[in-house]
PDB file of N, CA and C in Angstrom:
ATOM      1  N   UNK A   1      65.176  58.983 134.839  1.00  0.00           N
ATOM      2  CA  UNK A   1      65.482  59.723 136.060  1.00  0.00           C
ATOM      3  C   UNK A   1      64.876  61.123 135.947  1.00  0.00           C
ATOM      4  N   UNK A   2      64.131  61.541 136.973  1.00  0.00           N
ATOM      5  CA  UNK A   2      63.513  62.867 136.900  1.00  0.00           C
ATOM      6  C   UNK A   2      64.559  63.975 136.958  1.00  0.00           C
ATOM      7  N   UNK A   3      64.216  65.092 136.360  1.00  0.00           N
ATOM      8  CA  UNK A   3      65.134  66.225 136.385  1.00  0.00           C
ATOM      9  C   UNK A   3      65.225  66.800 137.800  1.00  0.00           C
ATOM     10  N   UNK A   4      66.228  67.604 138.005  1.00  0.00           N
ATOM     11  CA  UNK A   4      66.444  68.227 139.315  1.00  0.00           C
ATOM     12  C   UNK A   4      65.238  69.084 139.706  1.00  0.00           C
ATOM     13  N   UNK A   5      64.713  69.855 138.748  1.00  0.00           N
ATOM     14  CA  UNK A   5      63.562  70.716 139.038  1.00  0.00           C
ATOM     15  C   UNK A   5      62.333  69.903 139.413  1.00  0.00           C
ATOM     16  N   UNK A   6      62.126  68.778 138.722  1.00  0.00           N
ATOM     17  CA  UNK A   6      60.978  67.926 139.039  1.00  0.00           C
ATOM     18  C   UNK A   6      61.124  67.334 140.432  1.00  0.00           C
ATOM     19  N   UNK A   7      62.327  66.962 140.805  1.00  0.00           N
ATOM     20  CA  UNK A   7      62.572  66.407 142.136  1.00  0.00           C
ATOM     21  C   UNK A   7      62.315  67.455 143.219  1.00  0.00           C
ATOM     22  N   UNK A   8      62.804  68.657 143.003  1.00  0.00           N
ATOM     23  CA  UNK A   8      62.560  69.738 143.964  1.00  0.00           C
ATOM     24  C   UNK A   8      61.063  70.008 144.078  1.00  0.00           C
ATOM     25  N   UNK A   9      60.378  70.052 142.948  1.00  0.00           N
ATOM     26  CA  UNK A   9      58.932  70.273 142.952  1.00  0.00           C
ATOM     27  C   UNK A   9      58.189  69.186 143.708  1.00  0.00           C
ATOM     28  N   UNK A  10      58.611  67.941 143.518  1.00  0.00           N
ATOM     29  CA  UNK A  10      57.956  66.826 144.210  1.00  0.00           C
ATOM     30  C   UNK A  10      58.171  66.911 145.721  1.00  0.00           C
ATOM     31  N   UNK A  11      59.368  67.270 146.132  1.00  0.00           N
ATOM     32  CA  UNK A  11      59.662  67.390 147.566  1.00  0.00           C
ATOM     33  C   UNK A  11      58.829  68.511 148.189  1.00  0.00           C
ATOM     34  N   UNK A  12      58.774  69.650 147.520  1.00  0.00           N
ATOM     35  CA  UNK A  12      57.982  70.766 148.042  1.00  0.00           C
ATOM     36  C   UNK A  12      56.494  70.427 148.057  1.00  0.00           C
ATOM     37  N   UNK A  13      56.036  69.667 147.063  1.00  0.00           N
ATOM     38  CA  UNK A  13      54.643  69.228 147.037  1.00  0.00           C
ATOM     39  C   UNK A  13      54.339  68.321 148.223  1.00  0.00           C
ATOM     40  N   UNK A  14      55.251  67.413 148.536  1.00  0.00           N
ATOM     41  CA  UNK A  14      55.052  66.503 149.669  1.00  0.00           C
ATOM     42  C   UNK A  14      55.001  67.290 150.977  1.00  0.00           C
ATOM     43  N   UNK A  15      55.838  68.311 151.098  1.00  0.00           N
ATOM     44  CA  UNK A  15      55.806  69.161 152.295  1.00  0.00           C
ATOM     45  C   UNK A  15      54.443  69.838 152.420  1.00  0.00           C
ATOM     46  N   UNK A  16      53.951  70.410 151.313  1.00  0.00           N
ATOM     47  CA  UNK A  16      52.650  71.078 151.364  1.00  0.00           C
ATOM     48  C   UNK A  16      51.531  70.075 151.600  1.00  0.00           C
ATOM     49  N   UNK A  17      51.644  68.900 151.003  1.00  0.00           N
ATOM     50  CA  UNK A  17      50.628  67.866 151.197  1.00  0.00           C
ATOM     51  C   UNK A  17      50.531  67.471 152.669  1.00  0.00           C
ATOM     52  N   UNK A  18      51.673  67.392 153.354  1.00  0.00           N
ATOM     53  CA  UNK A  18      51.672  67.069 154.782  1.00  0.00           C
ATOM     54  C   UNK A  18      50.983  68.177 155.585  1.00  0.00           C
ATOM     55  N   UNK A  19      51.278  69.426 155.246  1.00  0.00           N
ATOM     56  CA  UNK A  19      50.631  70.545 155.944  1.00  0.00           C
ATOM     57  C   UNK A  19      49.124  70.536 155.714  1.00  0.00           C
ATOM     58  N   UNK A  20      48.722  70.339 154.465  1.00  0.00           N
ATOM     59  CA  UNK A  20      47.296  70.328 154.140  1.00  0.00           C
ATOM     60  C   UNK A  20      46.608  69.100 154.735  1.00  0.00           C
ATOM     61  N   UNK A  21      47.285  67.970 154.705  1.00  0.00           N
ATOM     62  CA  UNK A  21      46.727  66.761 155.310  1.00  0.00           C
ATOM     63  C   UNK A  21      46.484  66.943 156.795  1.00  0.00           C
ATOM     64  N   UNK A  22      47.401  67.628 157.472  1.00  0.00           N
ATOM     65  CA  UNK A  22      47.207  67.929 158.888  1.00  0.00           C
ATOM     66  C   UNK A  22      45.972  68.780 159.116  1.00  0.00           C
ATOM     67  N   UNK A  23      45.751  69.747 158.238  1.00  0.00           N
ATOM     68  CA  UNK A  23      44.561  70.596 158.335  1.00  0.00           C
ATOM     69  C   UNK A  23      43.289  69.770 158.166  1.00  0.00           C
ATOM     70  N   UNK A  24      43.268  68.916 157.161  1.00  0.00           N
ATOM     71  CA  UNK A  24      42.080  68.100 156.890  1.00  0.00           C
ATOM     72  C   UNK A  24      41.821  67.120 158.029  1.00  0.00           C
ATOM     73  N   UNK A  25      42.872  66.485 158.530  1.00  0.00           N
ATOM     74  CA  UNK A  25      42.711  65.514 159.617  1.00  0.00           C
ATOM     75  C   UNK A  25      42.204  66.201 160.881  1.00  0.00           C
ATOM     76  N   UNK A  26      42.787  67.349 161.211  1.00  0.00           N
ATOM     77  CA  UNK A  26      42.306  68.079 162.390  1.00  0.00           C
ATOM     78  C   UNK A  26      40.852  68.504 162.227  1.00  0.00           C
ATOM     79  N   UNK A  27      40.504  68.974 161.052  1.00  0.00           N
ATOM     80  CA  UNK A  27      39.133  69.416 160.817  1.00  0.00           C
ATOM     81  C   UNK A  27      38.150  68.256 160.903  1.00  0.00           C
ATOM     82  N   UNK A  28      38.536  67.107 160.372  1.00  0.00           N
ATOM     83  CA  UNK A  28      37.623  65.960 160.334  1.00  0.00           C
ATOM     84  C   UNK A  28      37.525  65.229 161.667  1.00  0.00           C
ATOM     85  N   UNK A  29      38.657  65.061 162.338  1.00  0.00           N
ATOM     86  CA  UNK A  29      38.675  64.195 163.517  1.00  0.00           C
ATOM     87  C   UNK A  29      38.840  64.923 164.847  1.00  0.00           C
ATOM     88  N   UNK A  30      39.182  66.195 164.819  1.00  0.00           N
ATOM     89  CA  UNK A  30      39.322  66.958 166.062  1.00  0.00           C
ATOM     90  C   UNK A  30      38.804  68.382 165.861  1.00  0.00           C
ATOM     91  N   UNK A  31      37.531  68.516 165.524  1.00  0.00           N
ATOM     92  CA  UNK A  31      37.011  69.867 165.272  1.00  0.00           C
ATOM     93  C   UNK A  31      37.076  70.776 166.495  1.00  0.00           C
ATOM     94  N   UNK A  32      37.064  70.194 167.677  1.00  0.00           N
ATOM     95  CA  UNK A  32      37.152  71.027 168.882  1.00  0.00           C
ATOM     96  C   UNK A  32      38.510  71.724 168.970  1.00  0.00           C
ATOM     97  N   UNK A  33      39.547  71.093 168.440  1.00  0.00           N
ATOM     98  CA  UNK A  33      40.873  71.725 168.429  1.00  0.00           C
ATOM     99  C   UNK A  33      40.857  72.940 167.506  1.00  0.00           C
ATOM    100  N   UNK A  34      40.175  72.820 166.376  1.00  0.00           N
ATOM    101  CA  UNK A  34      40.129  73.919 165.415  1.00  0.00           C
ATOM    102  C   UNK A  34      39.285  75.090 165.919  1.00  0.00           C
ATOM    103  N   UNK A  35      38.469  74.868 166.956  1.00  0.00           N
ATOM    104  CA  UNK A  35      37.649  75.937 167.522  1.00  0.00           C
ATOM    105  C   UNK A  35      38.406  76.788 168.536  1.00  0.00           C
ATOM    106  N   UNK A  36      39.590  76.360 168.935  1.00  0.00           N
ATOM    107  CA  UNK A  36      40.388  77.123 169.903  1.00  0.00           C
ATOM    108  C   UNK A  36      40.708  78.494 169.306  1.00  0.00           C
ATOM    109  N   UNK A  37      40.640  79.528 170.140  1.00  0.00           N
ATOM    110  CA  UNK A  37      40.928  80.891 169.674  1.00  0.00           C
ATOM    111  C   UNK A  37      42.225  81.389 170.306  1.00  0.00           C
ATOM    112  N   UNK A  38      43.365  81.083 169.695  1.00  0.00           N
ATOM    113  CA  UNK A  38      44.641  81.456 170.297  1.00  0.00           C
ATOM    114  C   UNK A  38      45.038  82.918 170.104  1.00  0.00           C
ATOM    115  N   UNK A  39      44.431  83.613 169.133  1.00  0.00           N
ATOM    116  CA  UNK A  39      44.909  84.955 168.817  1.00  0.00           C
ATOM    117  C   UNK A  39      43.746  85.882 168.480  1.00  0.00           C
ATOM    118  N   UNK A  40      43.525  86.865 169.297  1.00  0.00           N
ATOM    119  CA  UNK A  40      42.567  87.950 169.034  1.00  0.00           C
ATOM    120  C   UNK A  40      41.182  87.461 168.629  1.00  0.00           C
ATOM    121  N   UNK A  41      40.717  86.379 169.221  1.00  0.00           N
ATOM    122  CA  UNK A  41      39.384  85.886 168.928  1.00  0.00           C
ATOM    123  C   UNK A  41      39.238  85.155 167.606  1.00  0.00           C
ATOM    124  N   UNK A  42      40.343  84.919 166.920  1.00  0.00           N
ATOM    125  CA  UNK A  42      40.310  84.203 165.639  1.00  0.00           C
ATOM    126  C   UNK A  42      40.616  82.742 165.918  1.00  0.00           C
ATOM    127  N   UNK A  43      39.751  81.845 165.406  1.00  0.00           N
ATOM    128  CA  UNK A  43      39.953  80.433 165.729  1.00  0.00           C
ATOM    129  C   UNK A  43      41.116  79.824 164.945  1.00  0.00           C
ATOM    130  N   UNK A  44      41.541  78.665 165.413  1.00  0.00           N
ATOM    131  CA  UNK A  44      42.706  78.001 164.843  1.00  0.00           C
ATOM    132  C   UNK A  44      42.487  77.603 163.389  1.00  0.00           C
ATOM    133  N   UNK A  45      41.259  77.283 163.008  1.00  0.00           N
ATOM    134  CA  UNK A  45      40.977  76.906 161.623  1.00  0.00           C
ATOM    135  C   UNK A  45      41.315  78.052 160.666  1.00  0.00           C
ATOM    136  N   UNK A  46      40.943  79.261 161.034  1.00  0.00           N
ATOM    137  CA  UNK A  46      41.239  80.424 160.191  1.00  0.00           C
ATOM    138  C   UNK A  46      42.740  80.677 160.147  1.00  0.00           C
ATOM    139  N   UNK A  47      43.394  80.617 161.298  1.00  0.00           N
ATOM    140  CA  UNK A  47      44.837  80.839 161.336  1.00  0.00           C
ATOM    141  C   UNK A  47      45.587  79.778 160.543  1.00  0.00           C
ATOM    142  N   UNK A  48      45.169  78.535 160.674  1.00  0.00           N
ATOM    143  CA  UNK A  48      45.789  77.439 159.929  1.00  0.00           C
ATOM    144  C   UNK A  48      45.574  77.648 158.428  1.00  0.00           C
ATOM    145  N   UNK A  49      44.385  78.079 158.044  1.00  0.00           N
ATOM    146  CA  UNK A  49      44.099  78.343 156.634  1.00  0.00           C
ATOM    147  C   UNK A  49      44.989  79.433 156.062  1.00  0.00           C
ATOM    148  N   UNK A  50      45.134  80.527 156.801  1.00  0.00           N
ATOM    149  CA  UNK A  50      46.043  81.582 156.358  1.00  0.00           C
ATOM    150  C   UNK A  50      47.482  81.074 156.317  1.00  0.00           C
ATOM    151  N   UNK A  51      47.837  80.232 157.279  1.00  0.00           N
ATOM    152  CA  UNK A  51      49.167  79.630 157.274  1.00  0.00           C
ATOM    153  C   UNK A  51      49.406  78.782 156.039  1.00  0.00           C
ATOM    154  N   UNK A  52      48.380  78.062 155.602  1.00  0.00           N
ATOM    155  CA  UNK A  52      48.504  77.261 154.380  1.00  0.00           C
ATOM    156  C   UNK A  52      48.731  78.151 153.159  1.00  0.00           C
ATOM    157  N   UNK A  53      48.028  79.260 153.101  1.00  0.00           N
ATOM    158  CA  UNK A  53      48.215  80.184 151.979  1.00  0.00           C
ATOM    159  C   UNK A  53      49.630  80.746 151.981  1.00  0.00           C
ATOM    160  N   UNK A  54      50.097  81.170 153.141  1.00  0.00           N
ATOM    161  CA  UNK A  54      51.457  81.703 153.242  1.00  0.00           C
ATOM    162  C   UNK A  54      52.500  80.633 152.941  1.00  0.00           C
ATOM    163  N   UNK A  55      52.254  79.406 153.389  1.00  0.00           N
ATOM    164  CA  UNK A  55      53.182  78.310 153.103  1.00  0.00           C
ATOM    165  C   UNK A  55      53.264  78.048 151.606  1.00  0.00           C
ATOM    166  N   UNK A  56      52.129  78.109 150.912  1.00  0.00           N
ATOM    167  CA  UNK A  56      52.132  77.901 149.459  1.00  0.00           C
ATOM    168  C   UNK A  56      52.950  78.982 148.760  1.00  0.00           C
ATOM    169  N   UNK A  57      52.782  80.221 149.192  1.00  0.00           N
ATOM    170  CA  UNK A  57      53.561  81.310 148.599  1.00  0.00           C
ATOM    171  C   UNK A  57      55.048  81.154 148.890  1.00  0.00           C
ATOM    172  N   UNK A  58      55.375  80.797 150.117  1.00  0.00           N
ATOM    173  CA  UNK A  58      56.773  80.599 150.495  1.00  0.00           C
ATOM    174  C   UNK A  58      57.404  79.449 149.710  1.00  0.00           C
ATOM    175  N   UNK A  59      56.685  78.345 149.574  1.00  0.00           N
ATOM    176  CA  UNK A  59      57.212  77.211 148.818  1.00  0.00           C
ATOM    177  C   UNK A  59      57.384  77.564 147.342  1.00  0.00           C
ATOM    178  N   UNK A  60      56.507  78.403 146.805  1.00  0.00           N
ATOM    179  CA  UNK A  60      56.661  78.848 145.418  1.00  0.00           C
ATOM    180  C   UNK A  60      57.927  79.681 145.249  1.00  0.00           C
ATOM    181  N   UNK A  61      58.207  80.542 146.217  1.00  0.00           N
ATOM    182  CA  UNK A  61      59.433  81.343 146.170  1.00  0.00           C
ATOM    183  C   UNK A  61      60.658  80.439 146.285  1.00  0.00           C
ATOM    184  N   UNK A  62      60.608  79.487 147.200  1.00  0.00           N
ATOM    185  CA  UNK A  62      61.721  78.544 147.362  1.00  0.00           C
ATOM    186  C   UNK A  62      61.954  77.788 146.061  1.00  0.00           C
ATOM    187  N   UNK A  63      60.884  77.319 145.430  1.00  0.00           N
ATOM    188  CA  UNK A  63      61.015  76.605 144.158  1.00  0.00           C
ATOM    189  C   UNK A  63      61.636  77.509 143.097  1.00  0.00           C
ATOM    190  N   UNK A  64      61.173  78.742 143.012  1.00  0.00           N
ATOM    191  CA  UNK A  64      61.717  79.677 142.031  1.00  0.00           C
ATOM    192  C   UNK A  64      63.195  79.943 142.231  1.00  0.00           C
ATOM    193  N   UNK A  65      63.617  80.064 143.479  1.00  0.00           N
ATOM    194  CA  UNK A  65      65.030  80.319 143.770  1.00  0.00           C
ATOM    195  C   UNK A  65      65.878  79.084 143.478  1.00  0.00           C
ATOM    196  N   UNK A  66      65.405  77.923 143.896  1.00  0.00           N
ATOM    197  CA  UNK A  66      66.192  76.702 143.718  1.00  0.00           C
ATOM    198  C   UNK A  66      66.251  76.231 142.269  1.00  0.00           C
ATOM    199  N   UNK A  67      65.286  76.603 141.460  1.00  0.00           N
ATOM    200  CA  UNK A  67      65.216  76.090 140.088  1.00  0.00           C
ATOM    201  C   UNK A  67      65.641  77.103 139.041  1.00  0.00           C
ATOM    202  N   UNK A  68      66.336  78.134 139.448  1.00  0.00           N
ATOM    203  CA  UNK A  68      66.840  79.099 138.473  1.00  0.00           C
ATOM    204  C   UNK A  68      67.902  78.454 137.604  1.00  0.00           C
ATOM    205  N   UNK A  69      67.974  78.909 136.359  1.00  0.00           N
ATOM    206  CA  UNK A  69      69.051  78.459 135.478  1.00  0.00           C
ATOM    207  C   UNK A  69      70.339  79.154 135.875  1.00  0.00           C
ATOM    208  N   UNK A  70      71.460  78.528 135.576  1.00  0.00           N
ATOM    209  CA  UNK A  70      72.750  79.146 135.880  1.00  0.00           C
ATOM    210  C   UNK A  70      72.913  80.455 135.105  1.00  0.00           C
ATOM    211  N   UNK A  71      72.366  80.536 133.900  1.00  0.00           N
ATOM    212  CA  UNK A  71      72.463  81.753 133.097  1.00  0.00           C
ATOM    213  C   UNK A  71      71.745  82.914 133.766  1.00  0.00           C
ATOM    214  N   UNK A  72      70.620  82.624 134.427  1.00  0.00           N
ATOM    215  CA  UNK A  72      69.856  83.677 135.092  1.00  0.00           C
ATOM    216  C   UNK A  72      70.576  84.203 136.322  1.00  0.00           C
ATOM    217  N   UNK A  73      71.287  83.333 137.033  1.00  0.00           N
ATOM    218  CA  UNK A  73      71.944  83.763 138.268  1.00  0.00           C
ATOM    219  C   UNK A  73      73.216  84.553 137.999  1.00  0.00           C
ATOM    220  N   UNK A  74      73.838  84.382 136.824  1.00  0.00           N
ATOM    221  CA  UNK A  74      75.076  85.100 136.543  1.00  0.00           C
ATOM    222  C   UNK A  74      74.814  86.569 136.230  1.00  0.00           C
ATOM    223  N   UNK A  75      73.601  86.888 135.782  1.00  0.00           N
ATOM    224  CA  UNK A  75      73.241  88.275 135.544  1.00  0.00           C
ATOM    225  C   UNK A  75      73.647  88.801 134.181  1.00  0.00           C
ATOM    226  N   UNK A  76      74.415  88.072 133.439  1.00  0.00           N
ATOM    227  CA  UNK A  76      74.859  88.531 132.125  1.00  0.00           C
ATOM    228  C   UNK A  76      74.169  87.790 131.011  1.00  0.00           C
ATOM    229  N   UNK A  77      74.214  88.398 129.833  1.00  0.00           N
ATOM    230  CA  UNK A  77      73.658  87.722 128.663  1.00  0.00           C
ATOM    231  C   UNK A  77      74.659  87.816 127.528  1.00  0.00           C
ATOM    232  N   UNK A  78      74.689  86.797 126.733  1.00  0.00           N
ATOM    233  CA  UNK A  78      75.620  86.742 125.605  1.00  0.00           C
ATOM    234  C   UNK A  78      74.868  87.019 124.319  1.00  0.00           C
ATOM    235  N   UNK A  79      74.620  88.292 124.048  1.00  0.00           N
ATOM    236  CA  UNK A  79      73.900  88.640 122.822  1.00  0.00           C
ATOM    237  C   UNK A  79      74.793  89.341 121.867  1.00  0.00           C
TER     238      UNK A  79
END
């Protein structure tokens, strides 16, 4: 049975894989959609790419918060 941290990591990976897969599918099969400029003359491909970077950072923070040890969250150390 996988550990709790491995399970959380796998779930977050699947979420990111879905986001990235959407980017690849849109780029490959609907390039005209990626050419749309919804914001300040910047096309959707660039915005989606930046969104992927931000999503990766956010998922890393979520993983770090969810996978903390109980000792780290209590704030004390027994030395």
